[in-house]
Amino acid sequence: MEIKKVLSLSSLFILCNLISKSFQQGLEYNDEINDEIDNEIDIGKSSKFNNTNKKKYINDIIFGNQLLKNECCDKQFIKCLGTTITEINAPNEKLSGSLSSTLGDITSLETINLSSNYLTGTIPKTFIKLTQLKTLYLYDNEITDTLPIYLGNLSQLEKLYLYNNNINGEIPGSIGNLKNLSYLLLGNNKLSGSIPESIGFLRSIITLSLNTNKLTGEIPKSIGKLKTLENLNLENNKLSGNIPESISDLEKLKILFLNNNKFSGSIPKSFEKLTNIEELYLNENNLSGVLPKSLSTLNNLHLFYVNDNENLYGYVIENENIIDCDYSNTKICYLEKSTACRSGALPCTKELINKIEEISRNGIIEEDIEKEVENNEESNIQDEEESQQDIEEELELEIDDTLDV
């Protein structure tokens, strides 16, 4: 059904009266954080509205004619406290079009959930007036443009879910003003630039997910100030530099995704302080040096991935709690007596052991890395030349066969 952004006030009035007698059926939606949302939507019992009226009603609310009254409070799509509208919930309703700026006129709103629809356009500037807003779910849509700077003024915001959209530009520094924010999920967008230093002011944050964007630069050291952080996901970006030691200060951290970036340098030995860590993803970077043996003391660690770090040396982590791991495309090896997870690891040779001990004493030698890169490049060139030679030989044979015929 095609969405109309402007509908008559009279139709809204009629629909609001109808809705007071309308259906109220169960509404469920999936969330990226398991069990994070419970009983947020009041479930009703009866149903008298047909699908056409239902869609038109929702469209009136979301896309214009915002002169809403308490008659519209149906406890399914619209919830009220007395005569004051506090929640709009319409996920998975196949809504399309742009959000109306008049939505920001409902200044009493505490929750907006319009996730998993086909919304386009931008987040209206009038949202700056929603100073009571605690929950904003616009994930799984097609929203474009940049993150508004005014988001930092929504001081009551606790949950901001904008993942799986087409949002671009940089993360505004004003995001650090959200002192009550517990969940910030901006993954699977087109965000660029660096992570602002002000991210360290999110003192209530539990989950921070910026994965699968185009973020560059280093992780700000201020991230170590997030004492409540349990889940940090920065995978699939273009982040570079060393992994900051300050991450080791995240005492409550359980899951850390840093994979598929351009991080270099060694894995901080101070990671041994992450005693609550359960899953650690460091794969597909440019990490070097020796894998810290002290990671074997992390008793809660059960998933560990460092594969595709070609200049990372060391021994497999001797930790019986690790149930899955990947050491492939590294210089990490296992001793014969080892019973630990060793998927992808090399068997230790005398030469490799000597190299590990040398790097442990002196650090990774830059000349060795350059030499290895050169060898890899020469090997690749040689492979390409051999492949090209094979193709030419096959082509000559085909030509000879054709001439013989």
Protein backbone atom coordinates (compact mmCIF):
# COMPACT_ATOMS: atom_id res chain seq x y z
CA MET A 1 0.00 0.00 0.00
CA GLU A 2 1.46 3.35 -0.99
CA ILE A 3 2.25 5.66 1.91
CA LYS A 4 0.88 9.22 1.88
CA LYS A 5 2.75 11.72 3.98
CA VAL A 6 -0.18 14.10 4.42
CA LEU A 7 -3.65 12.96 5.39
CA SER A 8 -6.65 15.01 6.45
CA LEU A 9 -7.26 16.00 10.05
CA SER A 10 -10.81 14.72 9.76
CA SER A 11 -9.61 11.25 8.79
CA LEU A 12 -7.29 11.26 11.80
CA PHE A 13 -10.15 12.28 14.09
CA ILE A 14 -12.36 9.48 12.78
CA LEU A 15 -9.56 6.96 13.03
CA CYS A 16 -8.68 8.04 16.56
CA ASN A 17 -12.28 7.40 17.61
CA LEU A 18 -12.27 4.07 15.86
CA ILE A 19 -9.00 3.05 17.43
CA SER A 20 -10.42 3.35 20.93
CA LYS A 21 -12.49 0.28 20.00
CA SER A 22 -9.86 -1.34 17.83
CA PHE A 23 -7.90 -4.56 17.97
CA GLN A 24 -4.98 -5.02 20.29
CA GLN A 25 -2.90 -8.01 19.38
CA GLY A 26 0.53 -9.25 20.39
CA LEU A 27 3.54 -7.57 18.94
CA GLU A 28 7.00 -9.02 19.00
CA TYR A 29 10.25 -7.97 17.48
CA ASN A 30 13.80 -9.23 17.34
CA ASP A 31 16.61 -7.34 19.04
CA GLU A 32 20.38 -7.47 18.50
CA ILE A 33 20.92 -7.86 22.24
CA ASN A 34 19.30 -11.05 23.55
CA ASP A 35 16.83 -10.58 26.40
CA GLU A 36 17.60 -6.86 26.50
CA ILE A 37 14.00 -5.86 25.79
CA ASP A 38 11.26 -7.49 27.81
CA ASN A 39 7.62 -6.50 28.11
CA GLU A 40 8.07 -3.11 26.45
CA ILE A 41 4.80 -3.40 24.51
CA ASP A 42 1.49 -3.87 26.29
CA ILE A 43 -0.34 -6.78 24.70
CA GLY A 44 -4.06 -6.47 24.11
CA LYS A 45 -6.76 -9.00 23.35
CA SER A 46 -9.44 -8.06 20.78
CA SER A 47 -9.34 -7.24 17.05
CA LYS A 48 -11.92 -5.31 15.04
CA PHE A 49 -9.71 -3.23 12.74
CA ASN A 50 -9.15 -4.51 9.23
CA ASN A 51 -5.68 -4.30 7.70
CA THR A 52 -6.46 -1.27 5.52
CA ASN A 53 -7.65 0.89 8.42
CA LYS A 54 -4.75 -0.31 10.51
CA LYS A 55 -2.18 0.81 7.91
CA LYS A 56 -3.91 4.13 7.37
CA TYR A 57 -3.99 4.75 11.08
CA ILE A 58 -0.27 4.10 11.48
CA ASN A 59 0.52 6.27 8.48
CA ASP A 60 -1.46 9.15 9.97
CA ILE A 61 0.56 8.94 13.16
CA ILE A 62 4.02 8.55 11.67
CA PHE A 63 3.88 10.66 8.53
CA GLY A 64 1.78 13.67 9.44
CA ASN A 65 -1.26 15.16 11.19
CA GLN A 66 0.31 14.90 14.59
CA LEU A 67 -2.58 16.52 16.51
CA LEU A 68 -2.90 13.35 18.54
CA LYS A 69 -5.24 13.02 21.47
CA ASN A 70 -5.51 10.42 24.18
CA GLU A 71 -8.33 8.75 22.16
CA CYS A 72 -5.52 7.37 19.96
CA CYS A 73 -3.94 5.45 22.82
CA ASP A 74 -4.63 1.85 21.85
CA LYS A 75 -1.89 0.26 24.02
CA GLN A 76 -0.46 -1.42 20.94
CA PHE A 77 0.83 1.28 18.64
CA ILE A 78 0.29 4.23 20.94
CA LYS A 79 0.70 4.14 24.71
CA CYS A 80 -0.23 6.93 27.06
CA LEU A 81 0.13 7.92 30.66
CA GLY A 82 -3.18 9.55 31.43
CA THR A 83 -3.73 11.92 28.51
CA THR A 84 -0.03 12.13 27.64
CA ILE A 85 1.42 10.09 24.75
CA THR A 86 4.58 8.32 25.89
CA GLU A 87 5.25 5.58 23.31
CA ILE A 88 4.91 4.91 19.58
CA ASN A 89 5.53 1.27 18.64
CA ALA A 90 5.17 0.15 15.01
CA PRO A 91 8.03 -2.24 14.12
CA ASN A 92 7.71 -4.62 11.17
CA GLU A 93 4.72 -2.81 9.70
CA LYS A 94 6.11 -2.33 6.16
CA LEU A 95 6.07 1.44 6.56
CA SER A 96 7.84 3.45 3.85
CA GLY A 97 8.55 7.11 3.25
CA SER A 98 10.17 9.81 5.35
CA LEU A 99 9.39 10.63 8.96
CA SER A 100 7.35 13.77 9.44
CA SER A 101 8.96 16.65 11.32
CA THR A 102 5.75 16.97 13.34
CA LEU A 103 6.65 13.77 15.14
CA GLY A 104 9.03 15.89 17.18
CA ASP A 105 6.08 17.93 18.46
CA ILE A 106 5.04 15.09 20.75
CA THR A 107 7.50 16.21 23.40
CA SER A 108 6.24 13.74 25.98
CA LEU A 109 7.53 10.74 24.01
CA GLU A 110 9.77 8.34 25.90
CA THR A 111 9.90 5.53 23.32
CA ILE A 112 9.90 5.45 19.51
CA ASN A 113 10.16 2.03 17.91
CA LEU A 114 9.83 2.08 14.11
CA SER A 115 12.42 -0.61 13.46
CA SER A 116 12.43 -3.08 10.57
CA ASN A 117 10.41 -1.00 8.13
CA TYR A 118 11.29 0.77 4.87
CA LEU A 119 11.80 4.28 6.19
CA THR A 120 13.96 6.63 4.12
CA GLY A 121 15.15 10.21 4.37
CA THR A 122 16.65 11.72 7.49
CA ILE A 123 15.99 11.87 11.20
CA PRO A 124 13.92 15.07 11.58
CA LYS A 125 15.65 18.03 13.23
CA THR A 126 12.56 18.49 15.39
CA PHE A 127 13.64 15.42 17.38
CA ILE A 128 15.79 17.86 19.34
CA LYS A 129 12.60 18.69 21.26
CA LEU A 130 12.17 15.10 22.48
CA THR A 131 14.01 15.72 25.73
CA GLN A 132 12.10 12.93 27.52
CA LEU A 133 13.08 10.29 24.96
CA LYS A 134 14.71 7.21 26.49
CA THR A 135 14.49 4.68 23.64
CA LEU A 136 14.94 5.30 19.92
CA TYR A 137 14.77 2.23 17.67
CA LEU A 138 15.09 3.03 13.95
CA TYR A 139 17.27 0.04 13.03
CA ASP A 140 16.71 -2.06 9.88
CA ASN A 141 15.49 0.79 7.69
CA GLU A 142 16.92 2.84 4.81
CA ILE A 143 17.59 6.10 6.62
CA THR A 144 20.30 8.28 5.04
CA ASP A 145 22.22 11.48 5.76
CA THR A 146 24.47 12.06 8.77
CA LEU A 147 24.05 11.56 12.50
CA PRO A 148 22.50 14.79 13.83
CA ILE A 149 24.66 16.77 16.25
CA TYR A 150 21.59 17.46 18.38
CA LEU A 151 21.49 13.81 19.47
CA GLY A 152 23.80 14.93 22.25
CA ASN A 153 20.96 17.06 23.65
CA LEU A 154 18.72 14.04 24.27
CA SER A 155 20.08 13.67 27.78
CA GLN A 156 17.55 11.03 28.90
CA LEU A 157 18.40 8.65 26.05
CA GLU A 158 19.26 5.14 27.23
CA LYS A 159 19.00 3.05 24.04
CA LEU A 160 19.95 4.29 20.57
CA TYR A 161 19.63 1.63 17.86
CA LEU A 162 20.33 2.90 14.33
CA TYR A 163 22.14 -0.12 12.87
CA ASN A 164 21.42 -1.48 9.38
CA ASN A 165 20.72 1.83 7.64
CA ASN A 166 22.59 4.05 5.17
CA ILE A 167 23.79 6.69 7.61
CA ASN A 168 27.04 8.38 6.58
CA GLY A 169 29.40 11.08 7.81
CA GLU A 170 31.23 11.20 11.12
CA ILE A 171 30.13 10.31 14.63
CA PRO A 172 29.50 13.70 16.28
CA GLY A 173 31.50 14.55 19.38
CA SER A 174 28.24 15.50 21.08
CA ILE A 175 27.51 11.79 21.48
CA GLY A 176 29.59 11.97 24.64
CA ASN A 177 26.88 14.08 26.30
CA LEU A 178 24.61 11.05 26.61
CA LYS A 179 25.51 10.17 30.18
CA ASN A 180 22.51 7.79 30.56
CA LEU A 181 23.14 5.88 27.34
CA SER A 182 23.47 2.12 27.92
CA TYR A 183 23.20 0.79 24.36
CA LEU A 184 24.67 2.49 21.29
CA LEU A 185 24.34 0.40 18.12
CA LEU A 186 25.43 2.09 14.89
CA GLY A 187 26.73 -0.92 12.96
CA ASN A 188 26.22 -1.67 9.27
CA ASN A 189 26.07 1.91 8.09
CA LYS A 190 28.49 4.10 6.10
CA LEU A 191 30.03 6.08 8.94
CA SER A 192 33.52 7.48 8.30
CA GLY A 193 36.15 9.48 10.13
CA SER A 194 37.53 8.62 13.54
CA ILE A 195 35.89 7.56 16.79
CA PRO A 196 35.57 10.77 18.85
CA GLU A 197 37.55 11.08 22.08
CA SER A 198 34.29 12.06 23.76
CA ILE A 199 33.15 8.43 23.53
CA GLY A 200 34.90 8.04 26.87
CA PHE A 201 32.17 10.08 28.57
CA LEU A 202 29.51 7.39 28.03
CA ARG A 203 29.82 6.31 31.64
CA SER A 204 26.65 4.14 31.60
CA ILE A 205 27.37 2.28 28.36
CA ILE A 206 26.99 -1.52 28.32
CA THR A 207 27.08 -2.25 24.59
CA LEU A 208 28.97 -0.15 22.03
CA SER A 209 28.69 -1.42 18.48
CA LEU A 210 30.24 0.52 15.57
CA ASN A 211 30.97 -2.49 13.36
CA THR A 212 30.92 -2.63 9.56
CA ASN A 213 31.43 1.02 8.74
CA LYS A 214 34.33 2.97 7.22
CA LEU A 215 35.87 4.28 10.43
CA THR A 216 39.56 5.17 10.35
CA GLY A 217 42.28 6.28 12.75
CA GLU A 218 43.13 4.88 16.15
CA ILE A 219 40.88 3.77 18.99
CA PRO A 220 40.81 6.71 21.44
CA LYS A 221 42.55 5.99 24.74
CA SER A 222 39.50 7.41 26.52
CA ILE A 223 37.67 4.17 25.76
CA GLY A 224 39.30 2.75 28.89
CA LYS A 225 37.04 4.99 30.99
CA LEU A 226 33.94 2.98 30.07
CA LYS A 227 33.87 0.97 33.29
CA THR A 228 30.38 -0.45 32.64
CA LEU A 229 31.16 -1.69 29.10
CA GLU A 230 30.51 -5.40 28.48
CA ASN A 231 30.34 -5.63 24.68
CA LEU A 232 32.61 -3.71 22.28
CA ASN A 233 32.27 -4.34 18.55
CA LEU A 234 34.57 -2.43 16.16
CA GLU A 235 35.00 -5.16 13.54
CA ASN A 236 35.02 -4.58 9.78
CA ASN A 237 36.34 -1.02 9.70
CA LYS A 238 39.64 0.58 8.67
CA LEU A 239 40.93 1.33 12.16
CA SER A 240 44.71 1.38 12.55
CA GLY A 241 47.53 1.99 15.00
CA ASN A 242 48.26 0.01 18.15
CA ILE A 243 45.54 -1.54 20.27
CA PRO A 244 45.42 0.85 23.24
CA GLU A 245 46.51 -0.47 26.63
CA SER A 246 43.51 1.34 28.11
CA ILE A 247 41.19 -1.41 26.83
CA SER A 248 42.65 -3.51 29.64
CA ASP A 249 40.89 -1.20 32.10
CA LEU A 250 37.48 -2.44 30.93
CA GLU A 251 37.04 -4.81 33.84
CA LYS A 252 33.49 -5.86 32.90
CA LEU A 253 34.26 -6.52 29.24
CA LYS A 254 32.94 -9.88 28.02
CA ILE A 255 33.07 -9.64 24.23
CA LEU A 256 35.66 -7.76 22.15
CA PHE A 257 35.55 -7.59 18.34
CA LEU A 258 38.58 -5.87 16.78
CA ASN A 259 38.87 -8.16 13.77
CA ASN A 260 39.17 -7.16 10.12
CA ASN A 261 40.88 -3.82 10.67
CA LYS A 262 44.44 -2.56 10.19
CA PHE A 263 45.75 -2.71 13.75
CA SER A 264 49.50 -3.15 14.12
CA GLY A 265 51.97 -3.67 16.93
CA SER A 266 51.73 -6.26 19.69
CA ILE A 267 48.74 -7.60 21.58
CA PRO A 268 48.92 -5.80 24.96
CA LYS A 269 50.22 -8.04 27.73
CA SER A 270 47.85 -6.12 30.00
CA PHE A 271 44.94 -8.00 28.37
CA GLU A 272 45.54 -10.46 31.21
CA LYS A 273 43.50 -8.01 33.32
CA LEU A 274 40.35 -8.73 31.27
CA THR A 275 39.25 -11.42 33.69
CA ASN A 276 35.63 -11.42 32.49
CA ILE A 277 36.43 -11.71 28.79
CA GLU A 278 34.59 -14.58 27.08
CA GLU A 279 35.14 -13.91 23.38
CA LEU A 280 38.21 -12.24 21.85
CA TYR A 281 38.43 -11.52 18.11
CA LEU A 282 41.76 -10.07 16.94
CA ASN A 283 41.95 -11.80 13.57
CA GLU A 284 42.60 -10.22 10.16
CA ASN A 285 44.87 -7.38 11.23
CA ASN A 286 48.60 -6.59 10.99
CA LEU A 287 49.53 -7.59 14.53
CA SER A 288 53.10 -8.62 15.26
CA GLY A 289 55.35 -9.55 18.17
CA VAL A 290 54.74 -12.51 20.46
CA LEU A 291 51.36 -13.67 21.71
CA PRO A 292 51.31 -13.04 25.50
CA LYS A 293 51.42 -16.31 27.44
CA SER A 294 49.57 -14.58 30.27
CA LEU A 295 46.31 -14.89 28.30
CA SER A 296 46.24 -18.47 29.58
CA THR A 297 45.04 -17.07 32.94
CA LEU A 298 41.77 -15.81 31.46
CA ASN A 299 39.51 -18.52 32.84
CA ASN A 300 36.31 -17.21 31.22
CA LEU A 301 37.78 -17.07 27.72
CA HIS A 302 36.21 -19.69 25.44
CA LEU A 303 36.46 -18.18 21.93
CA PHE A 304 39.83 -16.87 20.73
CA TYR A 305 40.75 -15.83 17.18
CA VAL A 306 44.05 -14.33 15.99
CA ASN A 307 44.23 -15.83 12.51
CA ASP A 308 45.52 -13.84 9.53
CA ASN A 309 48.16 -11.88 11.39
CA GLU A 310 51.17 -13.04 9.40
CA ASN A 311 53.84 -11.56 11.69
CA LEU A 312 52.37 -12.75 14.97
CA TYR A 313 54.59 -15.30 16.72
CA GLY A 314 54.29 -17.37 19.86
CA TYR A 315 52.75 -20.49 21.32
CA VAL A 316 49.09 -21.50 21.47
CA ILE A 317 47.31 -20.34 24.60
CA GLU A 318 47.39 -23.14 27.16
CA ASN A 319 43.86 -22.61 28.41
CA GLU A 320 41.54 -25.59 28.63
CA ASN A 321 38.49 -23.28 28.73
CA ILE A 322 39.01 -22.21 25.12
CA ILE A 323 36.64 -24.38 23.08
CA ASP A 324 37.24 -22.77 19.68
CA CYS A 325 40.21 -20.90 18.25
CA ASP A 326 41.99 -20.08 15.01
CA TYR A 327 45.75 -19.53 14.64
CA SER A 328 45.94 -20.02 10.87
CA ASN A 329 48.19 -17.76 8.79
CA THR A 330 50.31 -16.80 11.82
CA LYS A 331 53.66 -17.96 13.19
CA ILE A 332 52.04 -19.43 16.29
CA CYS A 333 52.93 -23.02 17.05
CA TYR A 334 52.09 -25.82 19.45
CA LEU A 335 54.40 -28.15 21.38
CA GLU A 336 53.81 -31.90 21.27
CA LYS A 337 52.70 -32.01 24.89
CA SER A 338 50.06 -29.29 24.34
CA THR A 339 46.41 -30.31 24.82
CA ALA A 340 44.98 -26.82 24.25
CA CYS A 341 42.89 -25.67 21.30
CA ARG A 342 45.34 -25.29 18.41
CA SER A 343 43.27 -25.02 15.23
CA GLY A 344 45.40 -23.63 12.41
CA ALA A 345 48.60 -23.50 14.51
CA LEU A 346 51.93 -24.79 13.23
CA PRO A 347 53.88 -27.59 14.87
CA CYS A 348 56.82 -26.05 16.71
CA THR A 349 60.19 -26.49 15.02
CA LYS A 350 63.60 -25.64 16.48
CA GLU A 351 63.94 -22.75 14.05
CA LEU A 352 60.53 -21.31 14.95
CA ILE A 353 61.13 -21.70 18.69
CA ASN A 354 64.46 -19.84 18.35
CA LYS A 355 62.72 -17.08 16.43
CA ILE A 356 60.00 -16.75 19.09
CA GLU A 357 62.65 -16.53 21.84
CA GLU A 358 64.60 -13.94 19.85
CA ILE A 359 61.54 -11.73 19.35
CA SER A 360 60.60 -12.16 23.01
CA ARG A 361 64.00 -10.77 23.99
CA ASN A 362 64.40 -8.07 21.38
CA GLY A 363 60.93 -7.38 20.05
CA ILE A 364 59.82 -7.81 16.45
CA ILE A 365 62.61 -6.77 14.10
CA GLU A 366 61.41 -4.37 11.44
CA GLU A 367 63.90 -5.75 8.93
CA ASP A 368 62.41 -9.21 9.34
CA ILE A 369 58.92 -7.90 8.59
CA GLU A 370 60.14 -6.03 5.52
CA LYS A 371 62.05 -9.11 4.36
CA GLU A 372 58.97 -11.29 4.85
CA VAL A 373 56.79 -8.82 2.94
CA GLU A 374 59.35 -8.78 0.12
CA ASN A 375 59.47 -12.59 0.07
CA ASN A 376 55.68 -12.77 -0.04
CA GLU A 377 55.56 -10.23 -2.88
CA GLU A 378 58.27 -12.09 -4.81
CA SER A 379 56.42 -15.35 -4.24
CA ASN A 380 53.18 -13.83 -5.48
CA ILE A 381 54.91 -12.40 -8.56
CA GLN A 382 56.52 -15.77 -9.25
CA ASP A 383 53.15 -17.52 -8.90
CA GLU A 384 51.57 -15.02 -11.29
CA GLU A 385 54.38 -15.48 -13.82
CA GLU A 386 54.10 -19.27 -13.61
CA SER A 387 50.33 -19.04 -13.97
CA GLN A 388 50.69 -16.76 -16.99
CA GLN A 389 53.26 -19.14 -18.49
CA ASP A 390 50.86 -22.08 -18.04
CA ILE A 391 48.10 -20.14 -19.76
CA GLU A 392 50.39 -19.25 -22.68
CA GLU A 393 51.50 -22.89 -23.03
CA GLU A 394 47.90 -24.09 -23.01
CA LEU A 395 47.02 -21.46 -25.61
CA GLU A 396 49.94 -22.57 -27.83
CA LEU A 397 48.79 -26.19 -27.59
CA GLU A 398 45.25 -25.20 -28.58
CA ILE A 399 46.61 -23.27 -31.58
CA ASP A 400 48.81 -26.23 -32.61
CA ASP A 401 45.85 -28.61 -32.33
CA THR A 402 43.75 -26.29 -34.45
CA LEU A 403 46.47 -26.06 -37.12
CA ASP A 404 46.84 -29.85 -37.18
CA VAL A 405 43.13 -30.20 -37.85
